[in-house]
Amino acid sequence: MNTALQAVILSGGAGTRLWPFSREACPKQFLNLTGDKTLFQETVTRISTLPATHPDTAIEILPPLVVCNEMHRFLVAEQLRRLGIEGGGILLEPVARNTAPALTLAALSVQADGLDPVLIVLPSDHYVRDVASFQACLLDAVRWASQGCLVTLGITPDRPETGFGYIQCGPSLGGQARTVLGFTEKPDAETATRYLADGEYLWNSGIFVLKASTWLEQISRYRPDIHLACTEASTHGQRDGDFIRIDQPAFTRCPADSIDYAVMEKLGHAAATGAGRAVVLPLDVGWSDLGSWPTLGEINPADEHGNVAVGDVYTRDTRDSLLYAQSRFLATVGLDHLIVIETPDAVLVAHKDKAQDVRFITEHLRHSARSEHLYHTRVHRPWGDFESIDRGSRYQVKRLTLHPGSSLSLQMHHHRAEHWIVVKGTARVTRGDDSFLVTENESTYIPVGVTHRLENPGTIPLEIIEVQSGSYLGEDDIVRFEDPYNRQPFSC
């Protein structure tokens, strides 16, 4: 028997508890936190490298389908391109409605293409140490899913953790498989301790394996309101290259719910009558959701004093601390059980026991109309990226890097002029009715109100220094006339 597999990568999280590394415009799943690849790329790779055969079936691995929000669409596209993956889709959620609607949209999209594969539903920001064992467990889950079961993977707990949800396991179905009896959201410490001692509970990983048709059948049975809203949103959506845009008004009316509670728990309750098909497989592979700074520290080697130090760090009389330096020399003296995270524009100092409260910093920044919760100093764009170097009341200096063959939109600014100096590569500049080349060590000037475009016609990245001057320097002072990326006239 041949079985088609398709990863559905859920990539909607903001990772606020890993601030200042994780920002809303570039959250933790798109960062290199554990190796050469980003967490998102590692997630995709774990599926794309699944063994091609299994004792019961031959495997066909389809290109992944990613569900993300509008802000991250070009990050997703670029990271897939760097993996050499083409032919999948990027489904854009106009608003967040939790995982059940996201999976429903994905299943509807797959069926619209005339397919009914086994979907492997994965958060995009998890770490797995033992990839081979993880893949073996997934293939076991595929066997159950091919029989019409809805399968989830539960993490074998090693401590009474209050930061995770729990899965209650029921009777054995043979091998490692158990029925699902219920889900519990993050419990208090006493309840978590009892769950660990009981031995019948697993951490909820948020990983599911099921056929597209099976999910649609069950979501229409247990949550017909979600199924109806997603069907309407998909029917009135449209394809924009690799992007699948659904109808915003219809999806906005969709209720929010998780896969766990919308369907899986209800199937677990039905198991008592023999009607349930929710299955859980235990997973013990060195998994982490990297949900806070201490969890990131746990997967990195510590020195003889229990410190994890990454970057240009010097320690003296410091113990059991997590120390990251991105851009400057970081020195600590006489610290114990602290987190110190240095980035070009922000520094975090926190006690390890208060790591979950880091999210309150991002709330403060958002309510204070600041930008440190939203952007890094380096901001990604579909054509490359820009990095802020210096800024004053009426000027700003940036370093722009354009991918080979890419270009900015044809645009105009109402409030600022720009001076471009090429430091690497060759630029093609459109300024008003003129078009000309600017090479290394040459510059050009764009006055206020003049239509212009910057392009990289070469085969190497183009790097320029941009000096902006004017009364207003915000990123929203952009009027687009032509854009190869189909962005809105005033959007970033």
Foldseek 3Di string as FASTA:
>chain_A
DEAEEEEEEEEADQLLLPPPVTFNLRGQQLDDLPDPHGLLLVVQVLQVPQDQDDPVYGYHYDQYEYEYAPSCVLSVVVSCVVVVTDDYAYEHAPDDQAALLSLLLVLVVQVVVVDKGKYKYAYSQKDFQFSVLVSVVVVVQRVLQVVLFKEFEFELDDALDQQFKKWFFADDPPDQKTATQAIGGRDDSVVSVVCNVVRRMGTGRLIIIHISVSSLVQLCVQPVQSNVLSVQQQVPWDDDPRYTYTHNVSNVSHHHDYPRPSGRNVLSNCVVVPRHRYMYGYDHGLMDSPSWDVRSLVVADAPPQLEDEEDQEAEECEHNEYYYADDDHYYDYNYYQWYWYDDPPDIDIGHNVCSVVSSVVLVVCVVVVHCSNHDGQWRADSQGIKGWDDDDQFKTKIKDKGAAFDKFFFKAFQWKKKKKAWQAAKKWKDWAPDIDIDHHRGIDIHDHGITMMIGHNDNHITIIMMMMGGNDDDLQRIAGDGGPVPDDRRDD
